[in-house]
Amino acid sequence: MSRIDRGHISPFPRPTQGSTRTRERATAPSFDRILKRELEPSKHAEKRMAREGIQLNGEQRERLGRAVDRIAERGGRQSLVLMDDLAAIVNVEHRKIVTVVSGERRQDGLFTDIDSAVLAD
């Protein structure tokens, strides 16, 4: 069934207030909510942190999250985050900690496949 709206014929009916499309928009997460969601370690990062005895406390996780938010605002995708004596590679889009290296293990100081770096304050 076609509908006429402002002189144009449309084969698609206008969505009603309770339509699926309207509900999807209402429940879709906002950009701010996406930015603020919790960082998750990858399986590799979890294994490395366990092996090296690295534990991130709440304050460190918060600082790391703020650093990733700053990178996301500037379009970074894969970033090096330096914090205290740790270096973390983070996939910004998926908010995934790819790997973490402690101060003792980052002797050569070489990091590849990153597009940005930030100091977490």
Protein backbone atom coordinates (compact mmCIF):
# COMPACT_ATOMS: atom_id res chain seq x y z
CA MET A 1 0.00 0.00 0.00
CA SER A 2 1.44 3.39 -1.02
CA ARG A 3 1.14 6.58 0.94
CA ILE A 4 1.10 10.18 -0.27
CA ASP A 5 3.04 12.68 1.80
CA ARG A 6 3.55 16.30 0.73
CA GLY A 7 2.86 15.47 -2.88
CA HIS A 8 5.29 12.52 -3.03
CA ILE A 9 4.18 8.92 -3.33
CA SER A 10 6.05 6.55 -1.08
CA PRO A 11 5.70 2.75 -1.18
CA PHE A 12 6.77 2.60 2.45
CA PRO A 13 4.38 3.35 5.27
CA ARG A 14 5.44 5.96 7.82
CA PRO A 15 6.77 4.26 10.96
CA THR A 16 4.37 4.39 13.85
CA GLN A 17 5.44 5.53 17.29
CA GLY A 18 5.77 1.96 18.56
CA SER A 19 7.64 0.68 15.51
CA THR A 20 10.84 -1.32 15.74
CA ARG A 21 12.88 1.48 14.13
CA THR A 22 11.74 4.00 16.76
CA ARG A 23 12.53 1.58 19.58
CA GLU A 24 15.99 0.85 18.14
CA ARG A 25 16.88 4.54 18.14
CA ALA A 26 15.58 4.97 21.66
CA THR A 27 17.63 2.06 23.02
CA ALA A 28 20.80 2.54 20.95
CA PRO A 29 23.77 3.47 23.14
CA SER A 30 24.91 7.06 22.89
CA PHE A 31 28.42 8.00 21.79
CA ASP A 32 29.22 9.08 25.35
CA ARG A 33 28.12 5.70 26.73
CA ILE A 34 30.32 3.92 24.19
CA LEU A 35 33.30 6.06 25.19
CA LYS A 36 32.79 5.48 28.90
CA ARG A 37 32.36 1.70 28.88
CA GLU A 38 34.85 -0.43 30.78
CA LEU A 39 38.11 -1.57 29.18
CA GLU A 40 38.49 -5.33 28.84
CA PRO A 41 41.77 -7.21 28.60
CA SER A 42 42.29 -9.63 25.72
CA LYS A 43 43.14 -13.24 26.57
CA HIS A 44 46.78 -12.49 25.69
CA ALA A 45 46.82 -9.48 28.02
CA GLU A 46 45.21 -11.51 30.82
CA LYS A 47 47.87 -14.23 30.48
CA ARG A 48 50.73 -11.73 30.39
CA MET A 49 49.39 -9.82 33.39
CA ALA A 50 49.02 -13.06 35.36
CA ARG A 51 52.49 -14.27 34.36
CA GLU A 52 54.17 -10.98 35.28
CA GLY A 53 52.06 -10.32 38.36
CA ILE A 54 50.56 -7.11 36.96
CA GLN A 55 47.33 -6.01 38.59
CA LEU A 56 45.52 -2.80 37.70
CA ASN A 57 43.78 -1.20 40.67
CA GLY A 58 40.62 0.89 40.31
CA GLU A 59 42.49 4.19 40.04
CA GLN A 60 44.78 2.83 37.31
CA ARG A 61 41.81 1.44 35.36
CA GLU A 62 40.12 4.82 35.60
CA ARG A 63 43.24 6.62 34.34
CA LEU A 64 43.62 4.12 31.51
CA GLY A 65 39.95 4.60 30.58
CA ARG A 66 40.31 8.40 30.52
CA ALA A 67 43.39 8.09 28.31
CA VAL A 68 41.51 5.86 25.87
CA ASP A 69 38.61 8.35 25.84
CA ARG A 70 41.04 11.12 24.87
CA ILE A 71 42.48 8.98 22.08
CA ALA A 72 39.00 8.09 20.80
CA GLU A 73 38.04 11.77 20.63
CA ARG A 74 41.00 12.35 18.32
CA GLY A 75 40.38 9.33 16.09
CA GLY A 76 43.06 6.95 17.38
CA ARG A 77 42.54 3.26 16.68
CA GLN A 78 45.47 1.31 18.15
CA SER A 79 47.33 3.21 20.84
CA LEU A 80 50.23 2.95 23.22
CA VAL A 81 49.26 4.13 26.70
CA LEU A 82 52.10 4.84 29.13
CA MET A 83 51.14 4.84 32.78
CA ASP A 84 53.40 4.62 35.83
CA ASP A 85 55.81 1.79 35.00
CA LEU A 86 53.41 0.11 32.54
CA ALA A 87 52.96 0.30 28.79
CA ALA A 88 49.67 -0.93 27.34
CA ILE A 89 48.61 -1.37 23.73
CA VAL A 90 44.87 -0.69 23.47
CA ASN A 91 42.43 -1.23 20.61
CA VAL A 92 40.44 1.97 21.04
CA GLU A 93 37.33 1.06 19.01
CA HIS A 94 36.73 -2.19 20.91
CA ARG A 95 38.12 -0.80 24.19
CA LYS A 96 40.29 -3.90 24.46
CA ILE A 97 43.67 -4.02 26.21
CA VAL A 98 45.73 -5.96 23.66
CA THR A 99 48.85 -6.35 25.77
CA VAL A 100 50.55 -4.91 28.84
CA VAL A 101 54.28 -4.66 29.49
CA SER A 102 55.83 -3.79 32.83
CA GLY A 103 58.79 -1.45 33.26
CA GLU A 104 61.31 -4.27 33.57
CA ARG A 105 60.23 -5.86 30.27
CA ARG A 106 60.09 -2.77 28.07
CA GLN A 107 63.87 -2.48 27.82
CA ASP A 108 64.05 -2.09 24.03
CA GLY A 109 61.23 0.48 24.01
CA LEU A 110 60.01 -0.57 20.55
CA PHE A 111 56.28 -0.70 19.85
CA THR A 112 54.84 -1.35 16.39
CA ASP A 113 51.40 -1.21 14.75
CA ILE A 114 50.19 1.79 16.74
CA ASP A 115 48.79 5.08 15.41
CA SER A 116 48.95 7.10 18.62
CA ALA A 117 50.49 7.32 22.07
CA VAL A 118 49.31 8.98 25.26
CA LEU A 119 50.58 9.47 28.81
CA ALA A 120 47.85 8.49 31.26
CA ASP A 121 47.65 11.09 34.00
